[in-house]
Amino acid sequence: MILVFKHFFYKNYVGLSLWPFIILKTDAHKTDTVLINHEKIHLKQQQELLILPFYAIYVTEWLIRSVLYLDSYRAYQNISFEREAYHNEKNLDYLTTRKPWSFIGYL
């Protein structure tokens, strides 16, 4: 299910996946197939980790990488979940061929 909350986002962020929702900044983003695919990849990651562990790993990885890089945005870009989603967001068939736990290859 896709929801739109324009005041929910910080700076340049335009989409977010919170199981089972994709939350977007504007209605116009609903037609951005690459963005929607990126967020669907996150939904799949959340599902295979039974949702709550996904968020715990995500935040832990971001905290560790923030300390390593001393840059919170660079840390975000290098979270394994984000790396998998960014690397495959333009492949609209990715979710049909993706193997379970694929994010591990992006650690």
C-alpha atoms as a PDB file:
ATOM      1  CA  MET A   1       0.000   0.000   0.000  1.00  0.00           C
ATOM      2  CA  ILE A   2       1.358   3.402  -0.955  1.00  0.00           C
ATOM      3  CA  LEU A   3       0.726   6.429   1.275  1.00  0.00           C
ATOM      4  CA  VAL A   4       1.706  10.082   0.768  1.00  0.00           C
ATOM      5  CA  PHE A   5       2.882  12.307   3.648  1.00  0.00           C
ATOM      6  CA  LYS A   6       4.735  15.343   2.368  1.00  0.00           C
ATOM      7  CA  HIS A   7       5.747  16.634   5.821  1.00  0.00           C
ATOM      8  CA  PHE A   8       7.213  13.303   6.932  1.00  0.00           C
ATOM      9  CA  PHE A   9      10.532  13.593   5.091  1.00  0.00           C
ATOM     10  CA  TYR A  10      13.862  15.167   5.898  1.00  0.00           C
ATOM     11  CA  LYS A  11      15.717  17.130   3.201  1.00  0.00           C
ATOM     12  CA  ASN A  12      16.091  15.172  -0.067  1.00  0.00           C
ATOM     13  CA  TYR A  13      14.466  11.936   1.082  1.00  0.00           C
ATOM     14  CA  VAL A  14      11.334  11.117  -0.919  1.00  0.00           C
ATOM     15  CA  GLY A  15      10.421   7.545  -0.005  1.00  0.00           C
ATOM     16  CA  LEU A  16      10.391   5.176   2.930  1.00  0.00           C
ATOM     17  CA  SER A  17       9.245   1.611   3.526  1.00  0.00           C
ATOM     18  CA  LEU A  18       7.626   0.770   6.837  1.00  0.00           C
ATOM     19  CA  TRP A  19       6.119  -2.697   6.569  1.00  0.00           C
ATOM     20  CA  PRO A  20       3.625  -3.035   4.909  1.00  0.00           C
ATOM     21  CA  PHE A  21       3.562   0.535   3.588  1.00  0.00           C
ATOM     22  CA  ILE A  22       5.555   2.568   1.108  1.00  0.00           C
ATOM     23  CA  ILE A  23       5.403   6.196   2.201  1.00  0.00           C
ATOM     24  CA  LEU A  24       6.170   8.876  -0.382  1.00  0.00           C
ATOM     25  CA  LYS A  25       6.720  12.617  -0.178  1.00  0.00           C
ATOM     26  CA  THR A  26       4.347  13.545  -3.033  1.00  0.00           C
ATOM     27  CA  ASP A  27       1.694  12.001  -5.251  1.00  0.00           C
ATOM     28  CA  ALA A  28       4.016  12.545  -8.225  1.00  0.00           C
ATOM     29  CA  HIS A  29       6.426   9.961  -6.783  1.00  0.00           C
ATOM     30  CA  LYS A  30       3.786   7.235  -7.236  1.00  0.00           C
ATOM     31  CA  THR A  31       4.736   7.068 -10.924  1.00  0.00           C
ATOM     32  CA  ASP A  32       8.488   6.795 -10.260  1.00  0.00           C
ATOM     33  CA  THR A  33       8.974   3.103 -11.018  1.00  0.00           C
ATOM     34  CA  VAL A  34      12.610   3.115  -9.910  1.00  0.00           C
ATOM     35  CA  LEU A  35      11.748   4.633  -6.524  1.00  0.00           C
ATOM     36  CA  ILE A  36       8.840   2.231  -6.032  1.00  0.00           C
ATOM     37  CA  ASN A  37      11.077  -0.714  -6.956  1.00  0.00           C
ATOM     38  CA  HIS A  38      13.725   0.497  -4.473  1.00  0.00           C
ATOM     39  CA  GLU A  39      11.121   0.615  -1.718  1.00  0.00           C
ATOM     40  CA  LYS A  40       9.686  -2.795  -2.692  1.00  0.00           C
ATOM     41  CA  ILE A  41      13.180  -4.250  -2.303  1.00  0.00           C
ATOM     42  CA  HIS A  42      13.172  -2.902   1.265  1.00  0.00           C
ATOM     43  CA  LEU A  43       9.752  -4.462   1.893  1.00  0.00           C
ATOM     44  CA  LYS A  44      11.132  -7.824   0.779  1.00  0.00           C
ATOM     45  CA  GLN A  45      14.155  -7.397   3.079  1.00  0.00           C
ATOM     46  CA  GLN A  46      11.841  -6.531   5.969  1.00  0.00           C
ATOM     47  CA  GLN A  47       9.631  -9.534   5.273  1.00  0.00           C
ATOM     48  CA  GLU A  48      12.470 -12.051   5.177  1.00  0.00           C
ATOM     49  CA  LEU A  49      13.883 -10.730   8.458  1.00  0.00           C
ATOM     50  CA  LEU A  50      10.447 -10.807  10.107  1.00  0.00           C
ATOM     51  CA  ILE A  51      10.257  -6.995  10.185  1.00  0.00           C
ATOM     52  CA  LEU A  52      11.587  -5.940  13.617  1.00  0.00           C
ATOM     53  CA  PRO A  53      15.069  -7.483  13.211  1.00  0.00           C
ATOM     54  CA  PHE A  54      15.354  -5.569   9.914  1.00  0.00           C
ATOM     55  CA  TYR A  55      14.973  -2.250  11.747  1.00  0.00           C
ATOM     56  CA  ALA A  56      17.360  -3.292  14.529  1.00  0.00           C
ATOM     57  CA  ILE A  57      20.038  -4.344  12.016  1.00  0.00           C
ATOM     58  CA  TYR A  58      19.432  -1.236   9.897  1.00  0.00           C
ATOM     59  CA  VAL A  59      19.907   1.162  12.830  1.00  0.00           C
ATOM     60  CA  THR A  60      22.880  -0.787  14.231  1.00  0.00           C
ATOM     61  CA  GLU A  61      24.606  -0.842  10.861  1.00  0.00           C
ATOM     62  CA  TRP A  62      23.942   2.889  10.396  1.00  0.00           C
ATOM     63  CA  LEU A  63      25.372   3.700  13.859  1.00  0.00           C
ATOM     64  CA  ILE A  64      28.515   1.639  13.268  1.00  0.00           C
ATOM     65  CA  ARG A  65      29.067   3.114   9.809  1.00  0.00           C
ATOM     66  CA  SER A  66      28.430   6.644  11.125  1.00  0.00           C
ATOM     67  CA  VAL A  67      31.296   6.179  13.563  1.00  0.00           C
ATOM     68  CA  LEU A  68      33.538   4.637  10.888  1.00  0.00           C
ATOM     69  CA  TYR A  69      32.861   7.303   8.246  1.00  0.00           C
ATOM     70  CA  LEU A  70      32.141  10.248  10.569  1.00  0.00           C
ATOM     71  CA  ASP A  71      29.408  11.107   8.073  1.00  0.00           C
ATOM     72  CA  SER A  72      25.790  10.043   8.628  1.00  0.00           C
ATOM     73  CA  TYR A  73      24.768  10.329   4.959  1.00  0.00           C
ATOM     74  CA  ARG A  74      27.724   8.249   3.777  1.00  0.00           C
ATOM     75  CA  ALA A  75      26.849   5.739   6.504  1.00  0.00           C
ATOM     76  CA  TYR A  76      23.272   5.587   5.190  1.00  0.00           C
ATOM     77  CA  GLN A  77      24.497   5.014   1.629  1.00  0.00           C
ATOM     78  CA  ASN A  78      26.628   2.086   2.800  1.00  0.00           C
ATOM     79  CA  ILE A  79      24.042   0.192   4.833  1.00  0.00           C
ATOM     80  CA  SER A  80      23.828  -3.245   3.239  1.00  0.00           C
ATOM     81  CA  PHE A  81      20.065  -2.941   2.731  1.00  0.00           C
ATOM     82  CA  GLU A  82      20.504   0.379   0.935  1.00  0.00           C
ATOM     83  CA  ARG A  83      23.395  -0.873  -1.156  1.00  0.00           C
ATOM     84  CA  GLU A  84      21.300  -3.798  -2.404  1.00  0.00           C
ATOM     85  CA  ALA A  85      18.293  -1.558  -3.127  1.00  0.00           C
ATOM     86  CA  TYR A  86      20.309   1.154  -4.918  1.00  0.00           C
ATOM     87  CA  HIS A  87      22.294  -1.391  -6.924  1.00  0.00           C
ATOM     88  CA  ASN A  88      19.135  -3.118  -8.174  1.00  0.00           C
ATOM     89  CA  GLU A  89      16.479  -0.384  -8.204  1.00  0.00           C
ATOM     90  CA  LYS A  90      16.586   0.050 -12.002  1.00  0.00           C
ATOM     91  CA  ASN A  91      16.132  -3.685 -12.594  1.00  0.00           C
ATOM     92  CA  LEU A  92      12.342  -3.914 -12.435  1.00  0.00           C
ATOM     93  CA  ASP A  93      12.569  -7.726 -12.581  1.00  0.00           C
ATOM     94  CA  TYR A  94      14.977  -7.952  -9.637  1.00  0.00           C
ATOM     95  CA  LEU A  95      12.411  -9.101  -7.095  1.00  0.00           C
ATOM     96  CA  THR A  96      11.392 -12.025  -9.293  1.00  0.00           C
ATOM     97  CA  THR A  97      14.991 -13.323  -9.434  1.00  0.00           C
ATOM     98  CA  ARG A  98      16.305 -12.147  -6.047  1.00  0.00           C
ATOM     99  CA  LYS A  99      17.536 -14.866  -3.730  1.00  0.00           C
ATOM    100  CA  PRO A 100      16.666 -14.713  -0.011  1.00  0.00           C
ATOM    101  CA  TRP A 101      19.100 -12.844   2.208  1.00  0.00           C
ATOM    102  CA  SER A 102      20.746 -11.167  -0.802  1.00  0.00           C
ATOM    103  CA  PHE A 103      21.577  -8.086   1.264  1.00  0.00           C
ATOM    104  CA  ILE A 104      24.331 -10.120   2.992  1.00  0.00           C
ATOM    105  CA  GLY A 105      26.379  -9.881  -0.205  1.00  0.00           C
ATOM    106  CA  TYR A 106      26.394  -6.091   0.241  1.00  0.00           C
ATOM    107  CA  LEU A 107      27.860  -6.015   3.765  1.00  0.00           C
END
